[in-house]
N, C-alpha and C. Protein backbone atom coordinates (compact mmCIF):
# COMPACT_ATOMS: atom_id res chain seq x y z
N UNK A 1 124.40 35.30 105.19
CA UNK A 1 124.57 33.85 105.07
C UNK A 1 123.54 33.25 104.12
N UNK A 2 122.28 33.74 104.21
CA UNK A 2 121.24 33.25 103.29
C UNK A 2 121.60 33.53 101.85
N UNK A 3 122.26 34.69 101.61
CA UNK A 3 122.67 35.05 100.25
C UNK A 3 123.66 34.03 99.72
N UNK A 4 124.65 33.64 100.55
CA UNK A 4 125.67 32.68 100.14
C UNK A 4 125.03 31.31 99.93
N UNK A 5 124.13 30.91 100.84
CA UNK A 5 123.47 29.61 100.73
C UNK A 5 122.65 29.51 99.44
N UNK A 6 122.00 30.60 99.06
CA UNK A 6 121.19 30.60 97.84
C UNK A 6 122.06 30.39 96.60
N UNK A 7 123.27 30.96 96.63
CA UNK A 7 124.19 30.79 95.50
C UNK A 7 124.67 29.35 95.42
N UNK A 8 125.08 28.80 96.58
CA UNK A 8 125.62 27.44 96.60
C UNK A 8 124.56 26.39 96.30
N UNK A 9 123.29 26.69 96.56
CA UNK A 9 122.22 25.72 96.33
C UNK A 9 121.84 25.63 94.85
N UNK A 10 122.19 26.63 94.07
CA UNK A 10 121.87 26.65 92.64
C UNK A 10 123.08 26.13 91.87
N UNK A 11 123.21 24.81 91.79
CA UNK A 11 124.41 24.20 91.18
C UNK A 11 124.59 24.59 89.71
N UNK A 12 123.52 24.47 88.86
CA UNK A 12 123.70 24.88 87.46
C UNK A 12 124.12 26.34 87.32
N UNK A 13 123.49 27.21 88.13
CA UNK A 13 123.86 28.62 88.09
C UNK A 13 125.28 28.85 88.57
N UNK A 14 125.70 28.08 89.58
CA UNK A 14 127.06 28.21 90.11
C UNK A 14 128.08 27.80 89.06
N UNK A 15 127.80 26.70 88.34
CA UNK A 15 128.72 26.25 87.28
C UNK A 15 128.82 27.31 86.19
N UNK A 16 127.68 27.87 85.81
CA UNK A 16 127.66 28.92 84.80
C UNK A 16 128.50 30.11 85.24
N UNK A 17 128.36 30.50 86.50
CA UNK A 17 129.10 31.64 87.02
C UNK A 17 130.59 31.35 87.12
N UNK A 18 130.95 30.11 87.43
CA UNK A 18 132.37 29.73 87.47
C UNK A 18 133.02 29.96 86.11
N UNK A 19 132.33 29.53 85.06
CA UNK A 19 132.84 29.70 83.70
C UNK A 19 133.00 31.18 83.36
N UNK A 20 131.98 31.97 83.70
CA UNK A 20 132.01 33.40 83.39
C UNK A 20 133.11 34.10 84.18
N UNK A 21 133.22 33.79 85.48
CA UNK A 21 134.21 34.43 86.33
C UNK A 21 135.63 34.10 85.87
N UNK A 22 135.88 32.85 85.53
CA UNK A 22 137.20 32.47 85.04
C UNK A 22 137.56 33.25 83.78
N UNK A 23 136.61 33.37 82.87
CA UNK A 23 136.86 34.11 81.63
C UNK A 23 137.07 35.60 81.91
N UNK A 24 136.22 36.17 82.76
CA UNK A 24 136.30 37.60 83.06
C UNK A 24 137.62 37.95 83.74
N UNK A 25 138.03 37.15 84.72
CA UNK A 25 139.29 37.40 85.42
C UNK A 25 140.48 37.24 84.49
N UNK A 26 140.42 36.24 83.61
CA UNK A 26 141.53 35.99 82.68
C UNK A 26 141.71 37.15 81.71
N UNK A 27 140.64 37.58 81.08
CA UNK A 27 140.72 38.70 80.14
C UNK A 27 141.17 39.96 80.86
N UNK A 28 140.68 40.15 82.06
CA UNK A 28 141.05 41.30 82.89
C UNK A 28 142.57 41.37 83.06
N UNK A 29 143.18 40.26 83.45
CA UNK A 29 144.63 40.25 83.69
C UNK A 29 145.43 40.32 82.40
N UNK A 30 144.95 39.65 81.36
CA UNK A 30 145.64 39.72 80.07
C UNK A 30 145.63 41.16 79.55
N UNK A 31 144.54 41.89 79.80
CA UNK A 31 144.47 43.29 79.39
C UNK A 31 145.54 44.12 80.09
N UNK A 32 145.75 43.87 81.39
CA UNK A 32 146.83 44.55 82.12
C UNK A 32 148.18 44.27 81.45
N UNK A 33 148.44 42.98 81.25
CA UNK A 33 149.74 42.58 80.71
C UNK A 33 149.96 43.07 79.30
N UNK A 34 148.91 43.04 78.49
CA UNK A 34 149.05 43.49 77.10
C UNK A 34 149.29 44.99 77.04
N UNK A 35 148.61 45.76 77.90
CA UNK A 35 148.83 47.20 77.94
C UNK A 35 150.27 47.50 78.33
N UNK A 36 150.77 46.77 79.33
CA UNK A 36 152.16 46.97 79.76
C UNK A 36 153.13 46.62 78.63
N UNK A 37 152.83 45.52 77.95
CA UNK A 37 153.69 45.08 76.84
C UNK A 37 153.73 46.13 75.73
N UNK A 38 152.59 46.69 75.39
CA UNK A 38 152.54 47.71 74.32
C UNK A 38 153.24 49.00 74.75
N UNK A 39 153.34 49.20 76.07
CA UNK A 39 154.02 50.40 76.57
C UNK A 39 155.51 50.15 76.82
N UNK A 40 155.98 48.96 76.46
CA UNK A 40 157.41 48.68 76.52
C UNK A 40 157.87 47.74 77.60
N UNK A 41 156.96 47.24 78.43
CA UNK A 41 157.35 46.35 79.53
C UNK A 41 157.07 44.89 79.15
N UNK A 42 158.12 44.06 78.97
CA UNK A 42 157.93 42.66 78.57
C UNK A 42 157.76 41.71 79.75
N UNK A 43 157.66 42.23 80.97
CA UNK A 43 157.65 41.38 82.16
C UNK A 43 156.48 40.40 82.16
N UNK A 44 155.28 40.89 81.92
CA UNK A 44 154.10 40.01 81.93
C UNK A 44 154.23 38.91 80.88
N UNK A 45 154.74 39.26 79.73
CA UNK A 45 154.92 38.26 78.67
C UNK A 45 155.96 37.23 79.08
N UNK A 46 157.06 37.69 79.70
CA UNK A 46 158.12 36.79 80.12
C UNK A 46 157.64 35.79 81.18
N UNK A 47 156.68 36.23 82.01
CA UNK A 47 156.15 35.35 83.05
C UNK A 47 154.93 34.56 82.58
N UNK A 48 154.61 34.61 81.29
CA UNK A 48 153.49 33.85 80.76
C UNK A 48 152.13 34.39 81.13
N UNK A 49 152.05 35.69 81.45
CA UNK A 49 150.78 36.27 81.89
C UNK A 49 149.97 36.88 80.75
N UNK A 50 150.40 36.70 79.51
CA UNK A 50 149.57 37.08 78.37
C UNK A 50 148.77 35.89 77.87
N UNK A 51 148.78 34.82 78.63
CA UNK A 51 148.08 33.59 78.28
C UNK A 51 146.61 33.68 78.66
N UNK A 52 145.76 33.01 77.89
CA UNK A 52 144.34 32.90 78.20
C UNK A 52 144.03 31.69 79.08
N UNK A 53 145.08 31.06 79.59
CA UNK A 53 144.91 29.96 80.55
C UNK A 53 144.56 30.56 81.91
N UNK A 54 143.33 30.33 82.42
CA UNK A 54 142.90 30.99 83.67
C UNK A 54 143.74 30.61 84.88
N UNK A 55 144.36 29.45 84.87
CA UNK A 55 145.15 29.00 86.01
C UNK A 55 146.32 29.94 86.26
N UNK A 56 146.85 30.54 85.21
CA UNK A 56 147.99 31.44 85.35
C UNK A 56 147.63 32.74 86.08
N UNK A 57 146.35 33.05 86.11
CA UNK A 57 145.92 34.34 86.67
C UNK A 57 145.11 34.19 87.96
N UNK A 58 144.85 32.96 88.38
CA UNK A 58 143.88 32.72 89.45
C UNK A 58 144.45 33.05 90.83
N UNK A 59 143.71 33.88 91.56
CA UNK A 59 143.92 34.08 92.99
C UNK A 59 142.72 33.43 93.67
N UNK A 60 142.97 32.37 94.44
CA UNK A 60 141.88 31.55 94.96
C UNK A 60 140.90 32.36 95.81
N UNK A 61 141.42 33.22 96.68
CA UNK A 61 140.55 34.01 97.55
C UNK A 61 139.71 34.99 96.72
N UNK A 62 140.37 35.66 95.78
CA UNK A 62 139.65 36.61 94.92
C UNK A 62 138.61 35.92 94.07
N UNK A 63 138.91 34.69 93.62
CA UNK A 63 137.98 33.92 92.81
C UNK A 63 136.74 33.54 93.62
N UNK A 64 136.96 33.07 94.86
CA UNK A 64 135.84 32.68 95.73
C UNK A 64 134.97 33.90 96.05
N UNK A 65 135.63 35.04 96.34
CA UNK A 65 134.87 36.26 96.62
C UNK A 65 134.03 36.67 95.41
N UNK A 66 134.59 36.48 94.23
CA UNK A 66 133.87 36.85 93.01
C UNK A 66 132.61 35.98 92.86
N UNK A 67 132.72 34.70 93.18
CA UNK A 67 131.58 33.80 93.07
C UNK A 67 130.51 34.11 94.11
N UNK A 68 130.96 34.37 95.35
CA UNK A 68 130.01 34.55 96.45
C UNK A 68 129.42 35.95 96.53
N UNK A 69 130.26 36.96 96.24
CA UNK A 69 129.83 38.34 96.46
C UNK A 69 129.74 39.18 95.19
N UNK A 70 130.18 38.60 94.05
CA UNK A 70 130.23 39.29 92.77
C UNK A 70 131.33 40.35 92.73
N UNK A 71 132.16 40.40 93.73
CA UNK A 71 133.30 41.31 93.77
C UNK A 71 134.54 40.48 94.06
N UNK A 72 135.59 40.63 93.24
CA UNK A 72 136.78 39.83 93.47
C UNK A 72 137.97 40.33 92.67
N UNK A 73 139.00 39.53 92.61
CA UNK A 73 140.23 39.95 91.94
C UNK A 73 141.01 38.71 91.50
N UNK A 74 142.01 38.92 90.66
CA UNK A 74 142.89 37.85 90.22
C UNK A 74 144.31 38.15 90.71
N UNK A 75 145.24 37.26 90.38
CA UNK A 75 146.64 37.47 90.77
C UNK A 75 147.21 38.63 89.97
N UNK A 76 147.75 39.65 90.63
CA UNK A 76 148.24 40.83 89.90
C UNK A 76 149.31 40.48 88.87
N UNK A 77 149.22 41.12 87.72
CA UNK A 77 150.22 40.95 86.67
C UNK A 77 151.50 41.69 87.08
N UNK A 78 152.67 41.05 86.95
CA UNK A 78 153.92 41.76 87.29
C UNK A 78 154.22 42.85 86.28
N UNK A 79 154.48 44.05 86.78
CA UNK A 79 154.77 45.19 85.92
C UNK A 79 156.04 45.87 86.44
N UNK A 80 156.96 46.16 85.54
CA UNK A 80 158.21 46.84 85.89
C UNK A 80 158.17 48.23 85.27
N UNK A 81 157.94 49.23 86.11
CA UNK A 81 157.76 50.60 85.60
C UNK A 81 159.04 51.19 85.01
N UNK A 82 160.18 50.55 85.23
CA UNK A 82 161.44 51.06 84.67
C UNK A 82 161.45 51.00 83.14
N UNK A 83 160.57 50.18 82.59
CA UNK A 83 160.49 50.09 81.12
C UNK A 83 159.64 51.21 80.52
N UNK A 84 158.87 51.88 81.35
CA UNK A 84 157.95 52.89 80.84
C UNK A 84 158.65 54.22 80.60
N UNK A 85 158.23 54.92 79.54
CA UNK A 85 158.77 56.25 79.27
C UNK A 85 158.24 57.26 80.28
N UNK A 86 156.97 57.13 80.63
CA UNK A 86 156.36 57.98 81.64
C UNK A 86 155.71 57.05 82.68
N UNK A 87 156.47 56.64 83.70
CA UNK A 87 156.03 55.60 84.63
C UNK A 87 154.66 55.83 85.26
N UNK A 88 154.39 57.03 85.73
CA UNK A 88 153.12 57.27 86.41
C UNK A 88 151.94 57.20 85.45
N UNK A 89 152.08 57.84 84.30
CA UNK A 89 151.00 57.80 83.31
C UNK A 89 150.79 56.38 82.81
N UNK A 90 151.88 55.70 82.46
CA UNK A 90 151.77 54.36 81.88
C UNK A 90 151.25 53.35 82.90
N UNK A 91 151.60 53.53 84.18
CA UNK A 91 151.07 52.65 85.21
C UNK A 91 149.56 52.80 85.32
N UNK A 92 149.09 54.04 85.21
CA UNK A 92 147.65 54.28 85.27
C UNK A 92 146.94 53.63 84.09
N UNK A 93 147.55 53.71 82.91
CA UNK A 93 146.97 53.08 81.72
C UNK A 93 146.86 51.58 81.90
N UNK A 94 147.93 50.97 82.41
CA UNK A 94 147.92 49.52 82.65
C UNK A 94 146.86 49.15 83.68
N UNK A 95 146.75 49.95 84.73
CA UNK A 95 145.77 49.67 85.79
C UNK A 95 144.34 49.76 85.26
N UNK A 96 144.09 50.73 84.39
CA UNK A 96 142.74 50.93 83.86
C UNK A 96 142.37 49.88 82.81
N UNK A 97 143.38 49.28 82.19
CA UNK A 97 143.11 48.35 81.09
C UNK A 97 142.25 47.17 81.54
N UNK A 98 142.51 46.64 82.74
CA UNK A 98 141.74 45.49 83.23
C UNK A 98 140.27 45.82 83.44
N UNK A 99 139.96 46.80 84.31
CA UNK A 99 138.54 47.15 84.50
C UNK A 99 137.85 47.58 83.21
N UNK A 100 138.58 48.30 82.34
CA UNK A 100 137.99 48.73 81.07
C UNK A 100 137.60 47.54 80.22
N UNK A 101 138.44 46.49 80.21
CA UNK A 101 138.12 45.30 79.42
C UNK A 101 136.82 44.66 79.92
N UNK A 102 136.62 44.66 81.24
CA UNK A 102 135.40 44.08 81.80
C UNK A 102 134.17 44.92 81.47
N UNK A 103 134.30 46.23 81.53
CA UNK A 103 133.17 47.10 81.21
C UNK A 103 132.79 46.94 79.73
N UNK A 104 133.79 46.84 78.86
CA UNK A 104 133.52 46.66 77.43
C UNK A 104 132.85 45.31 77.16
N UNK A 105 133.31 44.25 77.86
CA UNK A 105 132.68 42.94 77.69
C UNK A 105 131.26 42.96 78.23
N UNK A 106 131.06 43.68 79.32
CA UNK A 106 129.72 43.80 79.88
C UNK A 106 128.78 44.48 78.89
N UNK A 107 129.25 45.56 78.28
CA UNK A 107 128.43 46.29 77.31
C UNK A 107 128.14 45.41 76.09
N UNK A 108 129.15 44.68 75.61
CA UNK A 108 128.96 43.82 74.44
C UNK A 108 127.94 42.73 74.72
N UNK A 109 128.03 42.11 75.90
CA UNK A 109 127.08 41.05 76.25
C UNK A 109 125.66 41.61 76.39
N UNK A 110 125.54 42.80 76.96
CA UNK A 110 124.23 43.42 77.10
C UNK A 110 123.64 43.77 75.74
N UNK A 111 124.49 44.23 74.83
CA UNK A 111 124.04 44.54 73.48
C UNK A 111 123.53 43.28 72.78
N UNK A 112 124.28 42.19 72.87
CA UNK A 112 123.86 40.91 72.26
C UNK A 112 122.55 40.45 72.90
N UNK A 113 122.45 40.62 74.21
CA UNK A 113 121.22 40.25 74.93
C UNK A 113 120.02 41.01 74.38
N UNK A 114 120.17 42.31 74.22
CA UNK A 114 119.06 43.13 73.74
C UNK A 114 118.70 42.78 72.30
N UNK A 115 119.69 42.51 71.46
CA UNK A 115 119.43 42.10 70.07
C UNK A 115 118.71 40.76 70.05
N UNK A 116 119.22 39.81 70.84
CA UNK A 116 118.62 38.48 70.92
C UNK A 116 117.19 38.56 71.42
N UNK A 117 116.96 39.41 72.43
CA UNK A 117 115.62 39.59 72.98
C UNK A 117 114.67 40.15 71.92
N UNK A 118 115.14 41.11 71.15
CA UNK A 118 114.29 41.72 70.11
C UNK A 118 113.92 40.68 69.05
N UNK A 119 114.89 39.85 68.69
CA UNK A 119 114.64 38.81 67.67
C UNK A 119 113.64 37.79 68.20
N UNK A 120 113.83 37.36 69.43
CA UNK A 120 112.93 36.36 70.03
C UNK A 120 111.51 36.90 70.16
N UNK A 121 111.38 38.13 70.62
CA UNK A 121 110.05 38.72 70.78
C UNK A 121 109.34 38.87 69.44
N UNK A 122 110.10 39.13 68.40
CA UNK A 122 109.50 39.28 67.07
C UNK A 122 109.08 37.94 66.47
N UNK A 123 109.66 36.85 67.00
CA UNK A 123 109.36 35.52 66.44
C UNK A 123 108.89 34.55 67.52
N UNK A 124 108.28 35.10 68.56
CA UNK A 124 107.92 34.27 69.71
C UNK A 124 106.93 33.17 69.34
N UNK A 125 106.00 33.45 68.43
CA UNK A 125 104.98 32.47 68.05
C UNK A 125 105.57 31.26 67.36
N UNK A 126 106.79 31.36 66.88
CA UNK A 126 107.42 30.26 66.16
C UNK A 126 108.10 29.26 67.10
N UNK A 127 108.17 29.60 68.39
CA UNK A 127 108.83 28.71 69.35
C UNK A 127 107.82 27.67 69.82
N UNK A 128 107.96 26.45 69.33
CA UNK A 128 107.02 25.38 69.65
C UNK A 128 107.64 24.33 70.56
N UNK A 129 108.95 24.17 70.51
CA UNK A 129 109.63 23.11 71.25
C UNK A 129 110.03 23.57 72.65
N UNK A 130 109.80 22.71 73.63
CA UNK A 130 110.22 23.02 75.01
C UNK A 130 111.74 23.09 75.11
N UNK A 131 112.42 22.24 74.33
CA UNK A 131 113.88 22.25 74.33
C UNK A 131 114.41 23.60 73.83
N UNK A 132 113.82 24.09 72.75
CA UNK A 132 114.25 25.38 72.20
C UNK A 132 113.98 26.50 73.20
N UNK A 133 112.83 26.44 73.86
CA UNK A 133 112.49 27.45 74.85
C UNK A 133 113.50 27.45 76.00
N UNK A 134 113.83 26.27 76.51
CA UNK A 134 114.80 26.16 77.60
C UNK A 134 116.18 26.63 77.17
N UNK A 135 116.53 26.35 75.92
CA UNK A 135 117.82 26.79 75.39
C UNK A 135 117.88 28.32 75.32
N UNK A 136 116.77 28.92 74.91
CA UNK A 136 116.70 30.38 74.84
C UNK A 136 116.86 30.98 76.24
N UNK A 137 116.19 30.40 77.23
CA UNK A 137 116.31 30.87 78.62
C UNK A 137 117.75 30.76 79.11
N UNK A 138 118.41 29.65 78.75
CA UNK A 138 119.80 29.45 79.15
C UNK A 138 120.71 30.52 78.54
N UNK A 139 120.48 30.83 77.28
CA UNK A 139 121.28 31.86 76.60
C UNK A 139 121.04 33.22 77.24
N UNK A 140 119.78 33.52 77.54
CA UNK A 140 119.46 34.78 78.23
C UNK A 140 120.19 34.87 79.57
N UNK A 141 120.14 33.77 80.34
CA UNK A 141 120.80 33.75 81.65
C UNK A 141 122.30 33.96 81.51
N UNK A 142 122.89 33.30 80.52
CA UNK A 142 124.33 33.42 80.32
C UNK A 142 124.71 34.86 79.98
N UNK A 143 123.99 35.45 79.05
CA UNK A 143 124.32 36.81 78.61
C UNK A 143 124.16 37.84 79.72
N UNK A 144 123.07 37.75 80.48
CA UNK A 144 122.85 38.74 81.53
C UNK A 144 123.83 38.55 82.67
N UNK A 145 124.14 37.28 83.01
CA UNK A 145 125.14 37.03 84.05
C UNK A 145 126.53 37.46 83.60
N UNK A 146 126.84 37.21 82.33
CA UNK A 146 128.13 37.63 81.78
C UNK A 146 128.27 39.14 81.87
N UNK A 147 127.21 39.84 81.53
CA UNK A 147 127.24 41.29 81.57
C UNK A 147 127.37 41.81 82.99
N UNK A 148 126.55 41.29 83.90
CA UNK A 148 126.55 41.82 85.27
C UNK A 148 127.85 41.48 86.01
N UNK A 149 128.34 40.26 85.87
CA UNK A 149 129.56 39.86 86.59
C UNK A 149 130.77 40.65 86.09
N UNK A 150 130.85 40.88 84.80
CA UNK A 150 131.96 41.66 84.27
C UNK A 150 131.89 43.10 84.76
N UNK A 151 130.69 43.66 84.81
CA UNK A 151 130.56 45.04 85.27
C UNK A 151 130.90 45.16 86.75
N UNK A 152 130.43 44.21 87.55
CA UNK A 152 130.78 44.21 88.97
C UNK A 152 132.29 44.11 89.15
N UNK A 153 132.93 43.23 88.40
CA UNK A 153 134.38 43.04 88.50
C UNK A 153 135.12 44.32 88.13
N UNK A 154 134.71 44.95 87.04
CA UNK A 154 135.37 46.16 86.59
C UNK A 154 135.24 47.30 87.59
N UNK A 155 134.04 47.53 88.11
CA UNK A 155 133.81 48.63 89.05
C UNK A 155 134.51 48.37 90.38
N UNK A 156 134.42 47.15 90.87
CA UNK A 156 135.04 46.81 92.15
C UNK A 156 136.54 47.05 92.13
N UNK A 157 137.18 46.69 91.02
CA UNK A 157 138.63 46.81 90.95
C UNK A 157 139.11 48.25 90.83
N UNK A 158 138.21 49.18 90.66
CA UNK A 158 138.60 50.59 90.63
C UNK A 158 138.69 51.20 92.03
N UNK A 159 138.29 50.45 93.06
CA UNK A 159 138.44 50.95 94.43
C UNK A 159 139.94 51.13 94.71
N UNK A 160 140.36 52.29 95.22
CA UNK A 160 141.79 52.59 95.33
C UNK A 160 142.48 52.00 96.56
N UNK A 161 142.33 50.70 96.78
CA UNK A 161 143.04 50.02 97.86
C UNK A 161 143.66 48.74 97.31
N UNK A 162 144.85 48.35 97.83
CA UNK A 162 145.45 47.09 97.38
C UNK A 162 144.63 45.91 97.88
N UNK A 163 144.52 44.80 97.12
CA UNK A 163 145.27 44.50 95.89
C UNK A 163 144.56 44.93 94.61
N UNK A 164 143.61 45.83 94.69
CA UNK A 164 142.77 46.19 93.55
C UNK A 164 143.49 47.16 92.62
N UNK A 165 143.00 47.24 91.39
CA UNK A 165 143.65 48.09 90.37
C UNK A 165 143.63 49.56 90.73
N UNK A 166 142.61 49.97 91.45
CA UNK A 166 142.54 51.37 91.85
C UNK A 166 143.75 51.81 92.65
N UNK A 167 144.37 50.88 93.39
CA UNK A 167 145.56 51.22 94.16
C UNK A 167 146.73 51.57 93.25
N UNK A 168 146.77 50.96 92.07
CA UNK A 168 147.84 51.27 91.12
C UNK A 168 147.62 52.64 90.47
N UNK A 169 146.35 53.00 90.36
CA UNK A 169 146.06 54.34 89.82
C UNK A 169 146.54 55.40 90.80
N UNK A 170 146.52 55.06 92.10
CA UNK A 170 147.02 56.00 93.11
C UNK A 170 148.48 56.37 92.87
N UNK A 171 149.21 55.47 92.20
CA UNK A 171 150.62 55.71 91.91
C UNK A 171 150.80 57.00 91.11
N UNK A 172 149.77 57.40 90.39
CA UNK A 172 149.84 58.60 89.56
C UNK A 172 149.80 59.86 90.42
N UNK A 173 149.03 59.83 91.50
CA UNK A 173 148.77 61.06 92.24
C UNK A 173 149.44 61.13 93.61
N UNK A 174 149.79 59.97 94.19
CA UNK A 174 150.39 59.96 95.52
C UNK A 174 151.92 60.07 95.44
N UNK A 175 152.53 60.79 96.34
CA UNK A 175 154.00 60.76 96.45
C UNK A 175 154.47 59.33 96.75
N UNK A 176 155.65 58.98 96.29
CA UNK A 176 156.16 57.62 96.42
C UNK A 176 156.12 57.11 97.86
N UNK A 177 156.51 57.94 98.82
CA UNK A 177 156.61 57.46 100.20
C UNK A 177 155.23 57.07 100.76
N UNK A 178 154.17 57.78 100.34
CA UNK A 178 152.83 57.44 100.79
C UNK A 178 152.29 56.21 100.07
N UNK A 179 152.59 56.15 98.77
CA UNK A 179 152.10 55.03 97.97
C UNK A 179 152.70 53.71 98.46
N UNK A 180 154.02 53.67 98.55
CA UNK A 180 154.68 52.43 98.97
C UNK A 180 154.45 52.14 100.45
N UNK A 181 154.19 53.20 101.24
CA UNK A 181 153.79 52.98 102.63
C UNK A 181 152.46 52.28 102.73
N UNK A 182 151.52 52.65 101.84
CA UNK A 182 150.22 52.00 101.80
C UNK A 182 150.34 50.55 101.35
N UNK A 183 151.18 50.31 100.34
CA UNK A 183 151.31 48.97 99.78
C UNK A 183 151.92 47.98 100.78
N UNK A 184 152.63 48.47 101.79
CA UNK A 184 153.22 47.59 102.80
C UNK A 184 152.13 46.86 103.60
N UNK A 185 150.95 47.47 103.65
CA UNK A 185 149.85 46.89 104.42
C UNK A 185 148.84 46.16 103.53
N UNK A 186 149.28 45.76 102.35
CA UNK A 186 148.38 45.14 101.37
C UNK A 186 147.67 43.92 101.95
N UNK A 187 148.40 43.03 102.63
CA UNK A 187 147.79 41.81 103.15
C UNK A 187 146.71 42.12 104.18
N UNK A 188 146.95 43.09 105.05
CA UNK A 188 145.97 43.45 106.08
C UNK A 188 144.74 44.11 105.45
N UNK A 189 144.99 44.94 104.44
CA UNK A 189 143.89 45.60 103.76
C UNK A 189 143.03 44.57 103.02
N UNK A 190 143.68 43.55 102.46
CA UNK A 190 142.95 42.50 101.76
C UNK A 190 142.03 41.75 102.72
N UNK A 191 142.52 41.45 103.92
CA UNK A 191 141.69 40.77 104.93
C UNK A 191 140.49 41.64 105.30
N UNK A 192 140.75 42.94 105.51
CA UNK A 192 139.66 43.86 105.84
C UNK A 192 138.64 43.93 104.71
N UNK A 193 139.13 43.89 103.47
CA UNK A 193 138.26 43.94 102.30
C UNK A 193 137.33 42.73 102.27
N UNK A 194 137.88 41.56 102.57
CA UNK A 194 137.08 40.33 102.59
C UNK A 194 136.00 40.41 103.67
N UNK A 195 136.37 40.92 104.84
CA UNK A 195 135.40 41.08 105.93
C UNK A 195 134.28 42.04 105.55
N UNK A 196 134.65 43.14 104.90
CA UNK A 196 133.65 44.11 104.47
C UNK A 196 132.72 43.52 103.42
N UNK A 197 133.27 42.68 102.54
CA UNK A 197 132.43 42.00 101.55
C UNK A 197 131.45 41.06 102.23
N UNK A 198 131.96 40.30 103.20
CA UNK A 198 131.10 39.34 103.90
C UNK A 198 129.99 40.05 104.67
N UNK A 199 130.32 41.18 105.25
CA UNK A 199 129.34 41.94 106.04
C UNK A 199 128.38 42.74 105.16
N UNK A 200 128.66 42.82 103.87
CA UNK A 200 127.78 43.53 102.95
C UNK A 200 127.96 45.03 102.92
N UNK A 201 129.02 45.52 103.59
CA UNK A 201 129.24 46.96 103.67
C UNK A 201 129.53 47.56 102.31
N UNK A 202 130.30 46.83 101.49
CA UNK A 202 130.70 47.34 100.18
C UNK A 202 129.59 47.19 99.15
N UNK A 203 128.73 46.21 99.37
CA UNK A 203 127.73 45.87 98.35
C UNK A 203 126.80 47.03 98.02
N UNK A 204 126.41 47.81 99.04
CA UNK A 204 125.44 48.88 98.80
C UNK A 204 125.99 50.01 97.92
N UNK A 205 127.15 50.62 98.26
CA UNK A 205 127.66 51.69 97.40
C UNK A 205 128.05 51.21 96.01
N UNK A 206 128.64 50.01 95.94
CA UNK A 206 129.01 49.49 94.63
C UNK A 206 127.77 49.07 93.83
N UNK A 207 126.75 48.63 94.55
CA UNK A 207 125.49 48.30 93.88
C UNK A 207 124.88 49.54 93.24
N UNK A 208 124.98 50.67 93.94
CA UNK A 208 124.46 51.93 93.38
C UNK A 208 125.26 52.33 92.15
N UNK A 209 126.60 52.17 92.21
CA UNK A 209 127.43 52.48 91.05
C UNK A 209 127.11 51.55 89.89
N UNK A 210 126.91 50.27 90.21
CA UNK A 210 126.55 49.30 89.18
C UNK A 210 125.24 49.69 88.49
N UNK A 211 124.22 50.03 89.29
CA UNK A 211 122.92 50.40 88.72
C UNK A 211 123.05 51.60 87.79
N UNK A 212 123.85 52.59 88.21
CA UNK A 212 124.00 53.80 87.40
C UNK A 212 124.67 53.48 86.06
N UNK A 213 125.74 52.69 86.09
CA UNK A 213 126.46 52.36 84.85
C UNK A 213 125.61 51.43 83.98
N UNK A 214 124.97 50.44 84.61
CA UNK A 214 124.15 49.49 83.85
C UNK A 214 122.99 50.20 83.17
N UNK A 215 122.35 51.12 83.90
CA UNK A 215 121.26 51.90 83.30
C UNK A 215 121.78 52.77 82.16
N UNK A 216 122.98 53.31 82.33
CA UNK A 216 123.57 54.12 81.27
C UNK A 216 123.83 53.31 80.02
N UNK A 217 124.33 52.08 80.19
CA UNK A 217 124.58 51.21 79.03
C UNK A 217 123.27 50.86 78.35
N UNK A 218 122.25 50.57 79.14
CA UNK A 218 120.94 50.26 78.57
C UNK A 218 120.38 51.45 77.79
N UNK A 219 120.61 52.64 78.31
CA UNK A 219 120.13 53.85 77.63
C UNK A 219 120.83 54.01 76.28
N UNK A 220 122.13 53.81 76.25
CA UNK A 220 122.89 53.92 74.99
C UNK A 220 122.38 52.92 73.97
N UNK A 221 122.14 51.68 74.44
CA UNK A 221 121.66 50.65 73.52
C UNK A 221 120.26 50.98 73.03
N UNK A 222 119.44 51.60 73.88
CA UNK A 222 118.07 51.94 73.49
C UNK A 222 118.03 52.98 72.37
N UNK A 223 119.14 53.68 72.15
CA UNK A 223 119.20 54.66 71.08
C UNK A 223 119.33 54.00 69.70
N UNK A 224 119.69 52.71 69.70
CA UNK A 224 119.79 51.95 68.45
C UNK A 224 118.37 51.60 67.98
N UNK A 225 118.01 51.92 66.77
CA UNK A 225 116.66 51.61 66.27
C UNK A 225 116.34 50.12 66.39
N UNK A 226 115.16 49.83 66.91
CA UNK A 226 114.71 48.44 67.06
C UNK A 226 115.06 47.82 68.39
N UNK A 227 115.89 48.51 69.20
CA UNK A 227 116.28 47.96 70.49
C UNK A 227 115.76 48.82 71.65
């Protein structure tokens, strides 16, 4: 509860995170739809899900969870596997497209952050204005939050339970009767997922996965001269 209260008490930070989460969720879902479209399925396009309008992709519960717990989801993009040449393979590609887009955005934001940090440190003595200093801090906060929230979103959605993308990846390996049997309980699983998020049960293992991937991205960036 203290964790949630601390988030809600930081109004400027909350507004910043709302903007980032809306963008991250929107790109995530557009990536699903675009992958399906390129693989021959026009369903997402027909339903207007290739739009960058966040309202078209918003799942209110998933959005709130993303703000409070850093783990969440958007409204699933409609996909018709009958359009695919290889339904199981193509479904997996579409499922991976969303989390992959978030991981790539996370890496890009972290790279910009490290470049910006190197430039600022090299010219720190030139910063005389308090306004400029505060602006720099704001940019740093935006970049690091953009990177972390996107990475959390991408990793969380790889969990193989509905309504998350990982459940669609299961379509590749599970027999149809087991897969569709699992999907029948999607609403109940979603409720259990929210409870586990609130109780903090999921935060620890996903936090460990986040740290490993984030450290890996930082290591790759450190190989760039000057960073």
